[in-house]
Protein backbone atom coordinates (compact mmCIF):
# COMPACT_ATOMS: atom_id res chain seq x y z
CA MET A 1 -46.45 -138.68 -18.31
CA ILE A 2 -44.51 -136.60 -20.84
CA LYS A 3 -41.02 -135.42 -19.87
CA ILE A 4 -40.40 -132.02 -21.46
CA GLU A 5 -36.85 -131.97 -22.88
CA ARG A 6 -37.16 -130.14 -26.18
CA ALA A 7 -39.59 -127.41 -27.26
CA ILE A 8 -40.28 -125.55 -30.47
CA ILE A 9 -41.62 -122.03 -29.96
CA SER A 10 -43.12 -119.90 -32.74
CA VAL A 11 -45.69 -117.32 -31.72
CA SER A 12 -47.44 -114.37 -33.32
CA ASP A 13 -48.80 -113.17 -29.96
CA LYS A 14 -45.71 -112.90 -27.77
CA THR A 15 -47.60 -112.22 -24.53
CA GLY A 16 -45.94 -114.12 -21.69
CA ILE A 17 -43.52 -115.98 -23.98
CA VAL A 18 -40.35 -114.68 -22.32
CA GLU A 19 -41.55 -115.74 -18.85
CA LEU A 20 -42.55 -119.18 -20.15
CA THR A 21 -39.23 -119.73 -21.90
CA LYS A 22 -37.22 -118.69 -18.84
CA PHE A 23 -39.27 -121.20 -16.83
CA LEU A 24 -38.44 -123.95 -19.35
CA LYS A 25 -34.77 -123.12 -19.16
CA LYS A 26 -34.86 -123.82 -15.40
CA TYR A 27 -35.67 -127.41 -16.37
CA ASN A 28 -32.88 -127.48 -19.00
CA VAL A 29 -35.36 -127.65 -21.87
CA GLU A 30 -33.76 -127.11 -25.28
CA ILE A 31 -35.52 -124.32 -27.18
CA ILE A 32 -35.95 -124.25 -30.95
CA SER A 33 -37.44 -121.08 -32.32
CA THR A 34 -38.33 -119.25 -35.54
CA GLY A 35 -37.16 -115.82 -36.75
CA GLY A 36 -39.30 -113.20 -34.99
CA THR A 37 -39.77 -115.23 -31.82
CA ALA A 38 -36.09 -116.20 -31.67
CA LYS A 39 -35.13 -112.53 -31.93
CA VAL A 40 -37.34 -111.57 -28.95
CA LEU A 41 -36.02 -114.44 -26.82
CA LYS A 42 -32.38 -113.63 -27.62
CA GLU A 43 -32.97 -109.96 -26.79
CA ASN A 44 -34.09 -111.18 -23.36
CA GLY A 45 -30.93 -113.20 -22.83
CA ILE A 46 -32.44 -116.61 -23.58
CA ASP A 47 -30.32 -119.12 -25.48
CA VAL A 48 -32.25 -120.62 -28.40
CA ILE A 49 -31.53 -122.70 -31.50
CA GLU A 50 -32.95 -121.07 -34.60
CA VAL A 51 -35.06 -123.45 -36.65
CA ASN A 52 -32.89 -123.11 -39.77
CA ASN A 53 -29.85 -124.26 -37.74
CA PHE A 54 -31.85 -127.15 -36.30
CA THR A 55 -33.09 -128.38 -39.70
CA GLY A 56 -30.06 -127.33 -41.76
CA PHE A 57 -32.42 -125.60 -44.16
CA PRO A 58 -33.05 -121.83 -44.33
CA GLU A 59 -36.34 -120.03 -43.88
CA ILE A 60 -37.45 -119.18 -47.43
CA LEU A 61 -40.15 -117.37 -49.42
CA ASP A 62 -40.39 -114.39 -47.06
CA GLY A 63 -40.96 -116.74 -44.11
CA ARG A 64 -43.73 -118.72 -45.80
CA VAL A 65 -41.62 -121.87 -45.28
CA LYS A 66 -39.98 -122.20 -41.87
CA THR A 67 -40.93 -125.31 -39.91
CA LEU A 68 -42.10 -127.54 -42.78
CA HIS A 69 -39.24 -130.05 -42.56
CA PRO A 70 -38.88 -133.80 -41.72
CA LYS A 71 -36.60 -133.04 -38.75
CA ILE A 72 -39.44 -131.01 -37.23
CA TYR A 73 -42.32 -133.30 -38.09
CA GLY A 74 -40.43 -136.52 -37.43
CA GLY A 75 -39.64 -135.14 -33.98
CA ILE A 76 -43.29 -134.30 -33.41
CA LEU A 77 -45.12 -137.25 -34.95
CA SER A 78 -42.96 -140.19 -33.91
CA ILE A 79 -44.51 -142.77 -31.62
CA ARG A 80 -41.89 -142.99 -28.91
CA ASP A 81 -42.36 -146.64 -27.94
CA LYS A 82 -42.74 -148.00 -31.48
CA GLU A 83 -39.58 -149.86 -32.55
CA GLU A 84 -39.80 -148.98 -36.25
CA HIS A 85 -40.24 -145.27 -35.45
CA ILE A 86 -37.28 -145.30 -33.08
CA LYS A 87 -35.13 -146.98 -35.76
CA GLN A 88 -36.12 -144.45 -38.46
CA MET A 89 -35.44 -141.52 -36.16
CA GLN A 90 -31.96 -142.84 -35.38
CA GLU A 91 -31.21 -143.45 -39.06
CA ASN A 92 -32.29 -139.89 -39.97
CA LYS A 93 -30.79 -138.22 -36.88
CA ILE A 94 -34.15 -136.88 -35.75
CA GLU A 95 -34.57 -135.69 -32.15
CA PRO A 96 -37.97 -135.96 -30.38
CA ILE A 97 -39.88 -132.77 -29.58
CA GLN A 98 -42.19 -132.87 -26.54
CA LEU A 99 -43.56 -129.32 -26.45
CA ILE A 100 -44.94 -126.98 -29.08
CA VAL A 101 -45.76 -123.39 -28.18
CA CYS A 102 -47.46 -121.78 -31.15
CA ASN A 103 -50.26 -119.34 -31.85
CA LEU A 104 -51.37 -118.51 -35.36
CA TYR A 105 -51.03 -115.51 -37.64
CA PRO A 106 -53.75 -113.00 -36.69
CA PHE A 107 -55.99 -113.59 -39.73
CA GLU A 108 -59.21 -112.61 -37.94
CA GLU A 109 -57.73 -109.42 -36.50
CA THR A 110 -56.30 -108.45 -39.90
CA LEU A 111 -59.70 -109.01 -41.48
CA LYS A 112 -61.47 -106.86 -38.88
CA LYS A 113 -59.02 -104.01 -39.48
CA GLY A 114 -60.09 -103.89 -43.13
CA LYS A 115 -56.62 -104.52 -44.52
CA SER A 116 -55.93 -105.15 -48.21
CA ASP A 117 -56.61 -108.57 -49.75
CA GLU A 118 -52.86 -109.06 -50.15
CA GLU A 119 -52.19 -108.48 -46.44
CA ILE A 120 -55.18 -110.63 -45.45
CA ILE A 121 -53.90 -113.51 -47.59
CA GLU A 122 -50.40 -113.21 -46.08
CA ASN A 123 -51.96 -113.68 -42.64
CA ILE A 124 -53.25 -117.13 -43.52
CA ASP A 125 -50.98 -119.32 -41.42
CA ILE A 126 -49.76 -122.57 -43.02
CA GLY A 127 -46.93 -123.91 -40.90
CA GLY A 128 -48.56 -123.05 -37.58
CA PRO A 129 -51.81 -125.02 -38.04
CA THR A 130 -49.87 -127.93 -39.56
CA MET A 131 -47.46 -128.08 -36.66
CA ILE A 132 -49.99 -127.81 -33.84
CA ARG A 133 -52.31 -130.36 -35.51
CA ALA A 134 -49.37 -132.76 -35.76
CA GLY A 135 -48.58 -132.29 -32.09
CA ALA A 136 -52.22 -132.67 -31.07
CA LYS A 137 -52.52 -135.88 -33.06
CA ASN A 138 -49.58 -137.22 -31.06
CA TYR A 139 -50.80 -135.82 -27.71
CA LYS A 140 -49.61 -138.90 -25.79
CA TYR A 141 -46.05 -137.75 -26.42
CA VAL A 142 -46.34 -134.04 -27.33
CA CYS A 143 -48.01 -131.18 -25.46
CA VAL A 144 -49.23 -128.18 -27.48
CA LEU A 145 -49.86 -124.71 -26.05
CA THR A 146 -51.80 -122.43 -28.42
CA LYS A 147 -52.60 -119.37 -26.31
CA PRO A 148 -50.95 -117.42 -23.48
CA VAL A 149 -53.74 -118.19 -20.99
CA LEU A 150 -52.53 -121.81 -20.96
CA TYR A 151 -48.97 -120.94 -19.92
CA ALA A 152 -49.63 -120.55 -16.19
CA GLU A 153 -51.53 -123.84 -16.01
CA PHE A 154 -48.76 -125.58 -17.96
CA MET A 155 -46.04 -124.26 -15.64
CA LYS A 156 -48.05 -125.33 -12.61
CA GLU A 157 -48.47 -128.79 -14.11
CA MET A 158 -44.79 -129.12 -14.96
CA LYS A 159 -43.68 -127.84 -11.56
CA LYS A 160 -46.05 -130.24 -9.78
CA ASN A 161 -44.69 -133.20 -11.76
CA ASN A 162 -41.01 -132.22 -11.64
CA GLY A 163 -40.55 -131.53 -15.36
CA TYR A 164 -43.34 -133.75 -16.65
CA VAL A 165 -46.91 -133.08 -17.76
CA SER A 166 -49.75 -135.54 -17.58
CA GLU A 167 -51.38 -137.15 -20.59
CA GLU A 168 -54.71 -135.76 -19.38
CA PHE A 169 -53.36 -132.21 -19.50
CA SER A 170 -51.89 -132.82 -22.95
CA PHE A 171 -55.20 -134.26 -24.18
CA ASN A 172 -57.07 -131.13 -23.07
CA CYS A 173 -54.51 -129.00 -24.89
CA ALA A 174 -54.97 -131.16 -28.02
CA ARG A 175 -58.72 -130.65 -27.90
CA GLU A 176 -58.10 -126.90 -27.81
CA VAL A 177 -55.86 -127.24 -30.89
CA PHE A 178 -58.56 -128.81 -33.03
CA ARG A 179 -61.15 -126.33 -31.81
CA LEU A 180 -58.78 -123.49 -32.72
CA THR A 181 -57.83 -124.78 -36.17
CA SER A 182 -61.43 -125.59 -37.02
CA ARG A 183 -62.46 -122.05 -36.10
CA TYR A 184 -59.46 -120.56 -37.91
CA ASP A 185 -60.24 -122.41 -41.13
CA TYR A 186 -63.91 -121.48 -40.89
CA ILE A 187 -63.10 -117.77 -40.76
CA ILE A 188 -60.78 -118.12 -43.77
CA SER A 189 -63.43 -120.10 -45.66
CA SER A 190 -66.02 -117.42 -44.86
CA TYR A 191 -63.66 -114.76 -46.19
CA PHE A 192 -63.24 -116.59 -49.49
CA SER A 193 -66.99 -117.25 -49.72
CA SER A 194 -67.68 -113.54 -49.25
CA LYS A 195 -65.74 -112.89 -52.46
CA ILE A 196 -68.13 -115.00 -54.51
CA ALA A 197 -71.47 -113.37 -55.29
CA SER A 198 -74.33 -115.85 -55.46
CA ASP A 199 -78.09 -115.60 -55.81
CA ILE A 200 -78.66 -119.08 -54.38
CA LEU A 201 -78.25 -120.50 -50.91
CA PRO A 202 -75.10 -122.66 -50.63
CA ASP A 203 -75.20 -126.47 -50.79
CA GLU A 204 -73.46 -126.58 -47.41
CA LEU A 205 -73.81 -123.96 -44.70
CA ASP A 206 -71.28 -124.07 -41.85
CA LEU A 207 -72.43 -122.38 -38.66
CA ARG A 208 -69.86 -121.53 -36.01
CA LEU A 209 -71.13 -120.07 -32.76
CA VAL A 210 -69.41 -118.79 -29.65
CA LYS A 211 -71.20 -118.38 -26.34
CA VAL A 212 -71.68 -114.78 -25.28
CA GLN A 213 -73.15 -115.73 -21.92
CA ASN A 214 -75.46 -118.08 -20.07
CA LEU A 215 -78.95 -116.68 -19.53
CA ARG A 216 -80.98 -117.05 -16.36
CA TYR A 217 -83.39 -119.24 -18.33
CA GLY A 218 -85.05 -119.53 -21.73
CA GLU A 219 -88.53 -118.29 -22.60
CA ASN A 220 -89.77 -119.79 -19.32
CA PRO A 221 -88.01 -120.44 -16.00
CA HIS A 222 -88.00 -124.23 -16.46
CA GLN A 223 -86.01 -123.92 -19.74
CA LYS A 224 -82.23 -123.52 -19.85
CA GLY A 225 -81.01 -120.67 -22.03
CA ALA A 226 -77.78 -119.23 -23.43
CA TRP A 227 -76.84 -116.54 -25.91
CA TYR A 228 -74.49 -117.41 -28.78
CA ARG A 229 -73.23 -115.33 -31.68
CA PHE A 230 -71.62 -116.18 -35.00
CA ILE A 231 -67.83 -116.13 -34.59
CA ASN A 232 -67.39 -113.86 -37.61
CA LYS A 233 -70.14 -111.38 -36.62
CA GLU A 234 -70.56 -109.16 -33.62
CA TYR A 235 -73.36 -106.68 -33.13
CA LYS A 236 -72.77 -104.24 -30.27
CA ARG A 237 -75.34 -104.16 -27.49
CA ASP A 238 -73.86 -102.11 -24.67
CA VAL A 239 -75.80 -102.51 -21.43
CA ILE A 240 -75.39 -99.07 -19.86
CA GLN A 241 -77.80 -99.72 -17.00
CA GLY A 242 -79.93 -102.52 -15.57
CA LYS A 243 -79.64 -106.25 -14.99
CA GLU A 244 -78.48 -108.63 -17.69
CA LEU A 245 -80.66 -109.24 -20.72
CA SER A 246 -82.93 -112.28 -20.73
CA PHE A 247 -83.83 -114.63 -23.57
CA ASN A 248 -87.09 -112.79 -24.20
CA ASN A 249 -85.46 -109.36 -23.81
CA LEU A 250 -83.01 -110.14 -26.61
CA LEU A 251 -85.75 -111.29 -28.97
CA ASP A 252 -87.96 -108.28 -28.28
CA MET A 253 -85.07 -105.83 -28.51
CA GLU A 254 -84.06 -107.25 -31.89
CA SER A 255 -87.63 -106.83 -33.16
CA ALA A 256 -87.80 -103.23 -31.96
CA TYR A 257 -84.47 -102.22 -33.39
CA ASN A 258 -84.97 -103.96 -36.72
CA LEU A 259 -88.26 -102.13 -37.29
CA VAL A 260 -87.27 -98.68 -36.00
CA TRP A 261 -84.36 -98.48 -38.46
CA GLN A 262 -86.72 -98.87 -41.42
CA PHE A 263 -87.54 -95.17 -41.16
CA GLU A 264 -85.44 -92.15 -42.12
CA LYS A 265 -87.40 -89.71 -39.94
CA SER A 266 -87.19 -89.81 -36.14
CA ALA A 267 -89.02 -92.98 -35.15
CA CYS A 268 -90.22 -94.90 -32.10
CA VAL A 269 -91.32 -98.52 -31.86
CA ILE A 270 -92.90 -100.11 -28.78
CA ILE A 271 -92.70 -103.92 -28.74
CA LYS A 272 -94.54 -106.60 -26.76
CA HIS A 273 -93.74 -110.27 -27.41
CA THR A 274 -91.83 -109.41 -30.62
CA ASN A 275 -94.85 -107.58 -32.10
CA PRO A 276 -95.20 -103.78 -32.28
CA CYS A 277 -98.08 -102.32 -30.28
CA GLY A 278 -97.21 -98.79 -31.40
CA VAL A 279 -95.11 -97.26 -34.16
CA ALA A 280 -94.73 -93.62 -35.14
CA VAL A 281 -92.48 -91.19 -37.01
CA ALA A 282 -92.15 -87.43 -36.47
CA ASP A 283 -89.76 -84.51 -36.75
CA ASP A 284 -88.40 -85.30 -33.28
CA LEU A 285 -88.13 -88.38 -31.05
CA LEU A 286 -90.37 -87.09 -28.29
CA THR A 287 -93.30 -86.57 -30.64
CA ALA A 288 -92.67 -89.96 -32.23
CA TYR A 289 -92.69 -91.58 -28.78
CA GLU A 290 -95.93 -89.87 -27.74
CA LYS A 291 -97.64 -90.92 -30.97
CA ALA A 292 -96.40 -94.53 -30.66
CA LEU A 293 -97.63 -94.70 -27.06
CA GLU A 294 -101.02 -93.30 -28.05
CA CYS A 295 -101.66 -96.30 -30.28
CA ASP A 296 -101.95 -98.77 -27.37
CA PRO A 297 -100.84 -97.43 -23.95
CA LEU A 298 -102.25 -100.44 -22.10
CA SER A 299 -100.19 -102.96 -24.09
CA ALA A 300 -97.11 -100.72 -23.91
CA PHE A 301 -96.80 -101.38 -20.15
CA GLY A 302 -93.60 -103.35 -19.55
CA GLY A 303 -92.64 -103.15 -23.21
CA ILE A 304 -89.39 -102.70 -25.09
CA VAL A 305 -88.98 -99.29 -26.75
CA GLY A 306 -86.66 -98.59 -29.68
CA PHE A 307 -85.49 -95.25 -31.11
CA ASN A 308 -83.41 -94.56 -34.22
CA SER A 309 -81.46 -91.50 -33.02
CA LYS A 310 -79.92 -90.05 -29.85
CA VAL A 311 -82.22 -89.80 -26.82
CA ASP A 312 -82.08 -86.44 -25.02
CA LYS A 313 -82.96 -85.18 -21.55
CA LYS A 314 -86.43 -83.92 -22.50
CA LEU A 315 -87.49 -87.31 -23.87
CA ALA A 316 -85.94 -89.13 -20.88
CA GLU A 317 -87.98 -87.06 -18.42
CA ILE A 318 -91.24 -88.06 -20.14
CA PHE A 319 -90.13 -91.64 -20.77
CA ILE A 320 -89.52 -92.62 -17.12
CA LYS A 321 -93.10 -91.75 -16.18
CA LYS A 322 -94.10 -95.13 -17.65
CA PHE A 323 -92.80 -98.61 -16.81
CA TYR A 324 -90.75 -100.27 -19.54
CA GLU A 325 -88.34 -103.19 -19.48
CA ILE A 326 -85.85 -101.81 -22.00
CA ILE A 327 -84.98 -98.70 -23.96
CA VAL A 328 -82.67 -99.21 -26.95
CA ALA A 329 -81.17 -96.43 -29.06
CA PRO A 330 -77.98 -95.63 -30.97
CA ASP A 331 -76.89 -93.15 -28.28
CA TYR A 332 -77.95 -91.05 -25.26
CA ASP A 333 -77.18 -87.61 -23.86
CA GLU A 334 -75.37 -87.74 -20.53
CA ASP A 335 -78.30 -85.86 -18.95
CA ALA A 336 -80.69 -88.53 -20.23
CA LEU A 337 -78.56 -91.28 -18.66
CA GLU A 338 -78.65 -89.47 -15.32
CA ILE A 339 -82.45 -89.36 -15.46
CA PHE A 340 -82.67 -93.08 -16.27
CA LYS A 341 -80.73 -93.85 -13.06
CA LYS A 342 -83.93 -93.00 -11.19
CA ARG A 343 -85.34 -96.22 -12.66
CA GLN A 344 -82.74 -98.84 -11.84
CA ASP A 345 -85.06 -101.58 -13.12
CA LEU A 346 -84.93 -100.04 -16.61
CA ARG A 347 -82.36 -101.63 -18.92
CA VAL A 348 -80.69 -98.95 -21.02
CA ILE A 349 -79.06 -100.37 -24.15
CA ARG A 350 -76.85 -98.61 -26.67
CA CYS A 351 -76.77 -100.16 -30.15
CA PRO A 352 -74.82 -97.86 -32.47
CA GLU A 353 -75.29 -99.93 -35.63
CA LYS A 354 -78.23 -100.72 -37.88
CA ILE A 355 -79.07 -104.43 -37.93
CA LYS A 356 -78.03 -106.32 -41.07
CA TYR A 357 -79.02 -109.94 -41.67
CA GLU A 358 -77.44 -112.40 -44.07
CA TYR A 359 -79.81 -115.28 -43.40
CA ASP A 360 -83.01 -115.88 -41.46
CA PHE A 361 -83.00 -119.17 -39.52
CA ARG A 362 -85.85 -121.24 -38.09
CA THR A 363 -85.17 -124.40 -36.10
CA LEU A 364 -86.32 -127.94 -36.83
CA ALA A 365 -85.58 -131.02 -34.73
CA ASP A 366 -82.83 -132.07 -37.15
CA GLY A 367 -81.59 -128.75 -38.45
CA PHE A 368 -82.67 -125.38 -39.74
CA LEU A 369 -84.88 -123.80 -42.33
CA VAL A 370 -82.85 -121.02 -43.95
CA GLN A 371 -84.05 -118.09 -46.01
CA THR A 372 -82.77 -114.72 -47.10
CA PRO A 373 -84.21 -111.83 -45.05
CA ASP A 374 -87.47 -110.16 -46.12
CA GLU A 375 -86.05 -106.92 -47.50
CA LEU A 376 -88.27 -106.31 -50.55
CA ASN A 377 -91.11 -103.86 -50.00
CA PHE A 378 -92.93 -103.76 -53.33
CA GLU A 379 -92.79 -105.69 -56.54
CA ARG A 380 -95.29 -103.13 -57.81
CA PHE A 381 -97.65 -100.46 -56.48
CA ASP A 382 -100.77 -100.88 -58.60
CA VAL A 383 -104.10 -99.14 -58.01
CA VAL A 384 -106.71 -101.83 -58.76
CA THR A 385 -109.89 -99.93 -57.80
CA GLU A 386 -111.92 -97.20 -59.46
CA LYS A 387 -111.13 -94.80 -56.62
CA LYS A 388 -107.52 -93.63 -56.62
CA PRO A 389 -105.76 -92.94 -53.29
CA THR A 390 -104.85 -89.35 -52.41
CA GLN A 391 -101.22 -88.39 -51.81
CA ASP A 392 -101.82 -88.46 -48.03
CA GLU A 393 -103.33 -91.92 -48.36
CA VAL A 394 -100.35 -93.12 -50.40
CA GLU A 395 -97.93 -91.91 -47.68
CA SER A 396 -100.08 -93.60 -45.03
CA LEU A 397 -100.26 -96.86 -46.99
CA LYS A 398 -96.48 -96.99 -47.40
CA PHE A 399 -95.99 -96.37 -43.67
CA ALA A 400 -98.52 -99.07 -42.72
CA TRP A 401 -96.94 -101.49 -45.20
CA ILE A 402 -93.50 -101.18 -43.57
CA VAL A 403 -94.96 -101.91 -40.13
CA CYS A 404 -97.02 -104.81 -41.50
CA LYS A 405 -93.83 -106.56 -42.60
CA PHE A 406 -92.72 -106.87 -38.96
CA ILE A 407 -95.82 -108.33 -37.30
CA LYS A 408 -96.82 -111.97 -37.00
CA SER A 409 -99.20 -113.30 -39.62
CA ASN A 410 -102.11 -113.03 -40.03
CA GLY A 411 -101.21 -109.35 -39.74
CA ILE A 412 -103.33 -106.23 -40.12
CA VAL A 413 -102.10 -102.67 -39.52
CA ILE A 414 -104.41 -99.67 -39.42
CA ALA A 415 -102.50 -96.40 -39.65
CA THR A 416 -102.31 -92.83 -40.77
CA LYS A 417 -99.23 -91.36 -42.45
CA ASP A 418 -97.06 -91.08 -39.33
CA GLN A 419 -98.65 -93.34 -36.72
CA THR A 420 -100.17 -96.77 -36.24
CA LEU A 421 -103.77 -96.66 -35.00
CA GLY A 422 -104.54 -100.32 -34.47
CA ILE A 423 -102.66 -103.60 -34.95
CA GLY A 424 -104.15 -107.09 -35.20
CA THR A 425 -101.56 -109.86 -35.26
CA GLY A 426 -101.05 -113.61 -35.10
CA GLN A 427 -104.68 -114.65 -35.50
CA MET A 428 -105.86 -117.77 -37.28
CA SER A 429 -108.09 -115.73 -39.61
CA ARG A 430 -107.47 -112.42 -41.34
CA TYR A 431 -111.01 -111.39 -40.49
CA ASP A 432 -110.28 -111.71 -36.75
CA SER A 433 -106.99 -109.79 -37.09
CA THR A 434 -108.93 -107.01 -38.84
CA ARG A 435 -111.53 -106.86 -36.08
CA ILE A 436 -108.81 -106.75 -33.40
CA ALA A 437 -107.02 -103.90 -35.18
CA VAL A 438 -110.30 -101.98 -35.39
CA MET A 439 -111.00 -102.67 -31.71
CA LYS A 440 -107.56 -101.35 -30.72
CA MET A 441 -108.10 -98.18 -32.74
CA ASN A 442 -111.55 -97.50 -31.31
CA ASP A 443 -110.39 -98.22 -27.76
CA ASN A 444 -107.47 -95.79 -27.89
CA PHE A 445 -108.51 -92.88 -30.10
CA LYS A 446 -111.43 -90.57 -29.27
CA GLU A 447 -110.61 -88.57 -32.37
CA ILE A 448 -109.16 -90.69 -35.13
CA PRO A 449 -106.58 -88.94 -37.35
CA LYS A 450 -107.23 -88.86 -41.08
CA PRO A 451 -106.67 -90.49 -43.44
CA VAL A 452 -107.19 -93.98 -42.03
CA VAL A 453 -105.68 -96.79 -44.10
CA LEU A 454 -105.18 -100.52 -43.68
CA ALA A 455 -102.30 -102.86 -44.61
CA SER A 456 -102.61 -106.65 -44.82
CA ASP A 457 -99.51 -108.85 -44.96
CA ALA A 458 -101.22 -111.30 -47.35
CA PHE A 459 -104.28 -111.37 -49.59
CA PHE A 460 -107.89 -111.26 -48.41
CA PRO A 461 -109.55 -114.63 -49.10
CA PHE A 462 -113.01 -113.07 -48.75
CA PRO A 463 -114.53 -109.56 -48.86
CA ASP A 464 -115.71 -109.72 -45.21
CA SER A 465 -112.70 -107.81 -43.86
CA ILE A 466 -113.37 -105.04 -46.40
CA GLU A 467 -116.84 -104.52 -44.91
CA VAL A 468 -115.33 -104.25 -41.42
CA ALA A 469 -112.81 -101.74 -42.75
CA LYS A 470 -115.49 -99.52 -44.30
CA LYS A 471 -117.51 -99.37 -41.06
CA SER A 472 -114.33 -98.19 -39.32
CA GLY A 473 -113.70 -95.26 -41.65
CA ILE A 474 -110.86 -96.84 -43.61
CA SER A 475 -110.48 -95.15 -47.01
CA ALA A 476 -107.59 -97.07 -48.58
CA ILE A 477 -106.11 -100.57 -48.34
CA ILE A 478 -102.77 -102.06 -49.36
CA GLN A 479 -102.30 -105.81 -49.84
CA PRO A 480 -100.31 -108.23 -52.03
CA GLY A 481 -103.22 -109.56 -54.10
CA GLY A 482 -103.10 -113.04 -55.58
CA SER A 483 -106.30 -114.55 -54.14
CA LYS A 484 -108.89 -116.41 -56.21
CA SER A 485 -111.29 -113.90 -54.66
CA ASP A 486 -109.39 -110.80 -55.80
CA GLU A 487 -112.19 -109.81 -58.16
CA ASP A 488 -114.78 -110.07 -55.37
CA VAL A 489 -112.57 -108.05 -53.00
CA ILE A 490 -111.98 -105.32 -55.61
CA LYS A 491 -115.70 -105.25 -56.42
CA LYS A 492 -116.52 -104.77 -52.73
CA CYS A 493 -113.98 -101.90 -52.49
CA ASN A 494 -115.59 -100.25 -55.50
CA GLU A 495 -119.05 -100.61 -53.95
CA LEU A 496 -117.88 -99.06 -50.69
CA GLY A 497 -115.65 -96.33 -52.18
CA ILE A 498 -112.34 -97.67 -50.88
CA SER A 499 -109.04 -97.38 -52.78
CA MET A 500 -106.93 -100.53 -53.00
CA ILE A 501 -103.26 -101.07 -53.88
CA PHE A 502 -101.76 -104.41 -54.94
CA THR A 503 -98.02 -104.84 -54.19
CA GLY A 504 -97.40 -108.34 -55.52
CA THR A 505 -95.26 -108.93 -52.42
CA ARG A 506 -96.42 -110.99 -49.47
CA HIS A 507 -94.97 -110.52 -45.97
CA PHE A 508 -95.79 -113.66 -44.00
CA LYS A 509 -93.95 -113.76 -40.67
CA HIS A 510 -94.35 -117.00 -38.69
């Protein structure tokens, strides 16, 4: 047990500090305090010893040096039952300190507020982390409180033990210290790293995650699941209506929102199992939605639908006629939100910001594969066939190519200039993906809009898919190129009167 007789208090966040200090005074605890904190305590009628009077050395360098002194650290770090330590403390007139109450300069908050580099640097705490780490190292003799939420538990502990706290309680507080300082240093390190431009991935990559919430389960009910986010990033997902988001909901919603923001015009994306089953752009959201739904209404059932601008009442009235799991958009009219209340099973999510990735992670048993996000559309846009695409075909090819980047490989997208017509995704052969895309188009469109173009996320290894495309009325194709069979594929396009574009950029998505 640790008898609390002397405390040093130095806090940036002064929430609850007056109440805590008055409690300590009831147990005749001597209080040592630094400038700003001492001022607050004195204003509240609490007798304190200022740290400069305790050490005999003034605070200097605009407060950068306050507690860094042997009388402070000897009092914190001494082992109380070690004879040599006791002797040295007596020789140097050092008094033991049993309690440290300290929270750190608000570096993270200053960073979020977009302050100047000078102000951000000044909010890097030096003495605070040093002092609480020292106390945590010596937790058998020193208790450290680093945040106001611990004060009530500490007072309960001290009251229960008549002025003492248990070693177990102190140990738990010490664990919180090292968690806090580790996180604090990580955020500072990330800030410094952000100032250094680099075209290569770093030799070491520190990942710090904080749990947002437990999930009901993972991809399947027998799997545990939780949602974590990076401590230095937060992307707003406001759940306006509906039950909490599941593991699969979050993945699908991310896919929908990432794709829908690729377009400047009003756009709609309908997602099933992270793949789009319908994508369209138009002059207004309602038309975009109707065109996206037209692509594959059967697969759209129970899907996740993303929009890139505010959803209004007119769209909401049409939207609720179908069953969807989630609608996600940057904002909603109040009238639209009232309409959605008729479907309490519909999750309504507001995401005001465009998604921005720094890295793309894939898990391995012993770590991660890390890559930069796939943000390049074209290395080039070369016509490689005798037949040149028309302007309408070029617009359609560029639209299809954007969508193709967001579907699982092997990926084929058949589209016109503002609407997907058929999507074949995740097949073991490109030929099968092509046939599935054609099947989807023929199943869902009695009258197929013109022009009809095709995008392939990687090269065609054989000309067989080109023959399927021609039978389906496809007049232009876009693909990366790079196959040993490129000449055969181009020759087949020339025979069949199909235009072909090579981009030089592959878009595999595993």
